[in-house]
Amino acid sequence: MLRYSQILEVEGMNQAMPAVAGEDPAKNMTDLVLEMAKALVDTPESVSVEAYRDGDGTVLRLRVAASDVGKVIGKQGRTARSLRTILGAASMKLKHRFSLDIVEEGEAAEG
């Protein structure tokens, strides 16, 4: 019978995910959020994601059409919380903090 540490080694979970040379983690996370959001909304062409450096982390600002804000947030914020959970898990893997802001398209950007 395999021990837990042996299973981790077999699955390759003991090591950090190797970064592809020249690839930007912020770009990967931006693409991840973009694709998830496009799958949720009625007007995927209006979805955009911008990355901003914020101290020791990166803020991803997700913009969607006004009619799609509810779909991205979900009932009692469940969908938004799920998006942030996925983002947090990927952040742990990349060892870089990412956070998600959801903005209605046309709303003035902060800062």
Protein backbone atom coordinates (compact mmCIF):
# COMPACT_ATOMS: atom_id res chain seq x y z
CA MET A 1 0.00 0.00 0.00
CA LEU A 2 1.28 3.46 -0.90
CA ARG A 3 1.77 6.06 1.78
CA TYR A 4 0.36 9.56 1.33
CA SER A 5 3.80 11.06 0.60
CA GLN A 6 4.36 8.48 -2.12
CA ILE A 7 1.01 9.30 -3.70
CA LEU A 8 1.93 12.97 -3.76
CA GLU A 9 5.21 12.17 -5.48
CA VAL A 10 3.46 9.99 -8.03
CA GLU A 11 0.93 12.69 -8.85
CA GLY A 12 3.64 15.36 -8.93
CA MET A 13 1.95 17.39 -6.23
CA ASN A 14 5.08 17.73 -4.10
CA GLN A 15 6.60 20.21 -6.50
CA ALA A 16 5.47 23.67 -7.48
CA MET A 17 4.03 23.95 -10.95
CA PRO A 18 6.90 24.75 -13.30
CA ALA A 19 6.50 28.11 -14.99
CA VAL A 20 6.77 28.16 -18.73
CA ALA A 21 9.72 30.32 -19.71
CA GLY A 22 8.66 33.90 -20.37
CA GLU A 23 5.05 33.38 -19.28
CA ASP A 24 3.45 35.97 -17.03
CA PRO A 25 1.31 34.60 -14.17
CA ALA A 26 -0.94 37.68 -14.37
CA LYS A 27 -1.65 36.91 -18.04
CA ASN A 28 -2.56 33.32 -17.19
CA MET A 29 -4.91 34.42 -14.41
CA THR A 30 -6.44 37.12 -16.61
CA ASP A 31 -7.15 34.50 -19.27
CA LEU A 32 -8.62 32.13 -16.66
CA VAL A 33 -11.04 34.75 -15.29
CA LEU A 34 -11.92 35.93 -18.81
CA GLU A 35 -12.88 32.44 -19.98
CA MET A 36 -14.89 31.66 -16.83
CA ALA A 37 -16.78 34.95 -17.09
CA LYS A 38 -17.52 34.50 -20.79
CA ALA A 39 -19.08 31.13 -20.02
CA LEU A 40 -21.43 32.73 -17.48
CA VAL A 41 -22.80 35.75 -19.35
CA ASP A 42 -25.22 36.37 -22.22
CA THR A 43 -22.94 38.86 -23.99
CA PRO A 44 -19.41 37.39 -23.88
CA GLU A 45 -18.09 40.03 -26.30
CA SER A 46 -18.55 42.68 -23.59
CA VAL A 47 -16.38 40.85 -21.04
CA SER A 48 -12.90 42.19 -20.33
CA VAL A 49 -10.32 41.66 -17.61
CA GLU A 50 -7.52 44.07 -16.69
CA ALA A 51 -4.67 43.36 -14.27
CA TYR A 52 -3.32 46.03 -11.89
CA ARG A 53 -0.36 45.74 -9.51
CA ASP A 54 -1.47 46.46 -5.94
CA GLY A 55 1.28 46.28 -3.34
CA ASP A 56 2.43 42.66 -3.10
CA GLY A 57 -0.40 41.31 -5.24
CA THR A 58 -2.39 41.84 -8.41
CA VAL A 59 -5.99 42.99 -8.74
CA LEU A 60 -7.96 41.59 -11.65
CA ARG A 61 -10.79 43.92 -12.67
CA LEU A 62 -13.57 42.05 -14.44
CA ARG A 63 -15.90 44.20 -16.55
CA VAL A 64 -19.21 42.85 -17.82
CA ALA A 65 -22.33 44.38 -19.40
CA ALA A 66 -24.86 45.88 -16.99
CA SER A 67 -27.34 43.12 -17.84
CA ASP A 68 -24.78 40.42 -16.93
CA VAL A 69 -23.60 41.70 -13.54
CA GLY A 70 -26.17 39.56 -11.72
CA LYS A 71 -25.04 36.43 -13.55
CA VAL A 72 -21.42 36.97 -12.54
CA ILE A 73 -22.28 37.77 -8.93
CA GLY A 74 -25.00 35.11 -8.53
CA LYS A 75 -27.55 34.65 -5.77
CA GLN A 76 -26.17 35.98 -2.50
CA GLY A 77 -22.78 36.37 -4.20
CA ARG A 78 -22.23 32.63 -4.60
CA THR A 79 -20.90 32.76 -8.15
CA ALA A 80 -18.52 35.63 -7.35
CA ARG A 81 -17.34 33.76 -4.25
CA SER A 82 -16.72 30.66 -6.36
CA LEU A 83 -14.72 32.66 -8.91
CA ARG A 84 -12.64 34.10 -6.07
CA THR A 85 -12.12 30.64 -4.58
CA ILE A 86 -10.79 29.31 -7.89
CA LEU A 87 -8.61 32.40 -8.23
CA GLY A 88 -7.31 31.88 -4.69
CA ALA A 89 -6.44 28.25 -5.35
CA ALA A 90 -4.55 29.14 -8.51
CA SER A 91 -2.85 32.00 -6.61
CA MET A 92 -1.54 29.55 -4.03
CA LYS A 93 -0.09 27.42 -6.80
CA LEU A 94 1.62 30.42 -8.41
CA LYS A 95 2.71 31.86 -5.05
CA HIS A 96 1.33 35.28 -5.94
CA ARG A 97 -1.73 37.00 -4.48
CA PHE A 98 -4.58 37.80 -6.88
CA SER A 99 -7.90 39.43 -6.05
CA LEU A 100 -11.01 39.99 -8.17
CA ASP A 101 -13.09 43.15 -8.59
CA ILE A 102 -16.31 42.94 -10.58
CA VAL A 103 -17.25 46.17 -12.38
CA GLU A 104 -20.26 47.00 -14.50
CA GLU A 105 -19.21 48.08 -18.01
CA GLY A 106 -19.31 51.85 -18.34
CA GLU A 107 -18.74 52.37 -14.60
CA ALA A 108 -15.81 54.66 -13.85
CA ALA A 109 -12.64 52.86 -12.78
CA GLU A 110 -11.39 53.56 -9.28
CA GLY A 111 -7.98 55.08 -8.56
